[in-house]
Protein backbone atom coordinates (compact mmCIF):
# COMPACT_ATOMS: atom_id res chain seq x y z
CA MET A 1 111.77 104.46 99.60
CA SER A 2 113.91 103.27 102.47
CA SER A 3 112.52 102.69 105.88
CA ASN A 4 114.57 102.48 109.02
CA GLU A 5 112.98 99.97 111.34
CA GLN A 6 113.69 97.79 114.32
CA THR A 7 113.43 94.05 114.75
CA LEU A 8 114.06 91.61 117.55
CA SER A 9 116.82 89.05 117.24
CA ILE A 10 117.53 86.21 119.64
CA ILE A 11 120.71 84.20 119.68
CA LYS A 12 119.36 80.88 120.95
CA PRO A 13 120.86 78.57 123.61
CA ASP A 14 122.67 76.27 121.12
CA ALA A 15 124.65 79.19 119.67
CA VAL A 16 125.36 80.81 123.05
CA GLU A 17 126.59 77.44 124.34
CA ARG A 18 128.97 77.12 121.37
CA ASN A 19 130.37 80.65 121.90
CA LEU A 20 129.03 81.95 118.58
CA VAL A 21 127.66 85.24 119.92
CA ASP A 22 130.43 87.47 118.54
CA GLU A 23 130.43 85.74 115.13
CA ILE A 24 126.66 86.15 114.82
CA LYS A 25 126.70 89.78 115.98
CA ASN A 26 129.44 90.50 113.43
CA ILE A 27 127.26 89.08 110.63
CA PHE A 28 124.50 91.55 111.56
CA ILE A 29 126.97 94.44 111.67
CA LYS A 30 128.53 93.49 108.31
CA ASN A 31 125.00 93.53 106.86
CA ASN A 32 124.36 97.12 108.01
CA LEU A 33 122.21 96.28 111.00
CA ILE A 34 122.94 98.27 114.14
CA ILE A 35 122.67 96.48 117.48
CA LYS A 36 120.74 99.09 119.48
CA GLU A 37 120.33 96.98 122.61
CA SER A 38 121.67 93.62 123.68
CA LYS A 39 121.45 91.60 126.85
CA LYS A 40 122.10 88.07 128.00
CA ILE A 41 119.21 86.55 129.91
CA GLN A 42 117.72 83.22 130.86
CA ILE A 43 113.96 82.90 130.57
CA THR A 44 111.60 80.46 132.26
CA LYS A 45 109.50 77.96 130.35
CA ASP A 46 106.43 80.08 131.20
CA GLU A 47 108.05 83.16 129.66
CA ALA A 48 109.01 81.14 126.59
CA SER A 49 105.41 79.90 126.32
CA GLU A 50 104.18 83.48 126.44
CA PHE A 51 106.75 84.61 123.88
CA TYR A 52 105.91 81.81 121.43
CA LYS A 53 102.14 82.01 121.99
CA VAL A 54 101.59 82.48 118.23
CA HIS A 55 102.80 78.88 117.75
CA GLN A 56 100.58 77.45 120.50
CA SER A 57 98.62 75.19 118.17
CA LYS A 58 101.67 73.73 116.44
CA PRO A 59 103.06 70.29 117.32
CA PHE A 60 106.54 71.67 118.05
CA TYR A 61 105.30 74.35 120.50
CA ASN A 62 106.20 72.54 123.73
CA ASP A 63 109.68 71.55 122.53
CA LEU A 64 110.30 75.08 121.29
CA CYS A 65 109.42 76.53 124.71
CA SER A 66 111.54 73.98 126.56
CA TYR A 67 114.44 74.66 124.24
CA LEU A 68 114.34 78.48 124.41
CA SER A 69 114.34 78.29 128.22
CA SER A 70 117.07 75.61 128.36
CA GLY A 71 120.01 78.02 128.65
CA PRO A 72 121.11 81.63 128.37
CA ILE A 73 120.02 83.60 125.29
CA ILE A 74 121.07 86.94 123.86
CA VAL A 75 118.17 89.24 123.00
CA MET A 76 118.89 92.18 120.74
CA VAL A 77 117.14 95.06 119.06
CA LEU A 78 118.50 95.41 115.54
CA GLU A 79 117.95 98.60 113.59
CA GLY A 80 118.47 99.45 109.98
CA GLU A 81 116.94 99.88 106.58
CA ASN A 82 114.21 97.24 106.17
CA ALA A 83 115.64 95.54 109.27
CA ILE A 84 112.92 92.88 109.52
CA LEU A 85 113.33 91.53 106.00
CA SER A 86 117.07 92.05 106.07
CA ASN A 87 117.42 90.05 109.30
CA ARG A 88 115.27 87.24 107.92
CA LYS A 89 117.49 87.00 104.83
CA ILE A 90 120.62 86.96 106.98
CA MET A 91 119.18 84.21 109.22
CA GLY A 92 118.11 81.90 106.39
CA ALA A 93 115.36 79.28 106.31
CA THR A 94 114.07 77.83 109.59
CA ASN A 95 115.53 74.45 108.69
CA PRO A 96 119.33 74.85 108.34
CA LYS A 97 119.31 72.15 105.61
CA ASP A 98 117.12 74.45 103.45
CA ALA A 99 118.94 77.67 104.30
CA ASP A 100 120.95 79.54 101.67
CA GLU A 101 124.75 79.43 101.81
CA ASN A 102 126.37 81.86 104.25
CA THR A 103 123.18 82.50 106.21
CA ILE A 104 123.44 82.19 109.99
CA ARG A 105 121.34 79.04 110.10
CA LYS A 106 123.32 77.38 107.29
CA LEU A 107 126.59 78.24 109.01
CA TYR A 108 125.65 77.44 112.61
CA GLY A 109 122.22 75.80 112.83
CA ILE A 110 122.20 72.21 114.12
CA SER A 111 118.59 71.29 113.41
CA ILE A 112 115.17 72.79 112.73
CA ASP A 113 114.82 73.35 116.51
CA LYS A 114 118.41 74.28 117.30
CA ASN A 115 118.71 76.77 114.47
CA SER A 116 120.77 79.31 116.44
CA VAL A 117 118.67 82.45 115.91
CA HIS A 118 115.17 83.90 116.01
CA GLY A 119 114.01 87.04 114.24
CA SER A 120 110.68 88.85 114.10
CA ASP A 121 108.63 88.04 111.00
CA SER A 122 106.58 91.25 110.72
CA ALA A 123 106.50 94.85 111.93
CA GLU A 124 103.63 93.99 114.27
CA ASN A 125 105.50 91.06 115.82
CA ALA A 126 108.75 93.02 116.00
CA LYS A 127 107.01 95.66 118.12
CA LYS A 128 105.47 93.00 120.42
CA GLU A 129 108.68 91.00 120.70
CA ILE A 130 110.86 94.04 121.46
CA GLU A 131 108.39 95.11 124.16
CA PHE A 132 108.42 91.57 125.56
CA PHE A 133 112.16 91.69 126.30
CA PHE A 134 112.83 95.41 126.59
CA LYS A 135 109.95 96.77 128.66
CA ASN A 136 111.11 100.28 129.42
């Protein structure tokens, strides 16, 4: 049974800075994910803190928030069959060193923090994260 779903994807500051937006978007498209919405924004540290609230208790939380708010990001709604899982496979492991060949993080990630992309990890989070950036 196939399910068409939506997920949130963020192209993080390190990738935007290195002009990788088109390359990354093309990887999603080649993997049958449709970019339903896309916008370039810059968020404040407070907004980043709110967005990453689930990681509040983790040691990297503060750095993560500082980093996500350090430059422009591209936020996108991706849609397709099993989009959440599909996007996570395309992105690769959080640490680029552990990511599979030809995943976005293996290709472009610099470090565990500057790993170029974010993607929702569940249907529940996808819904919350899409609403966070695309409040209609």
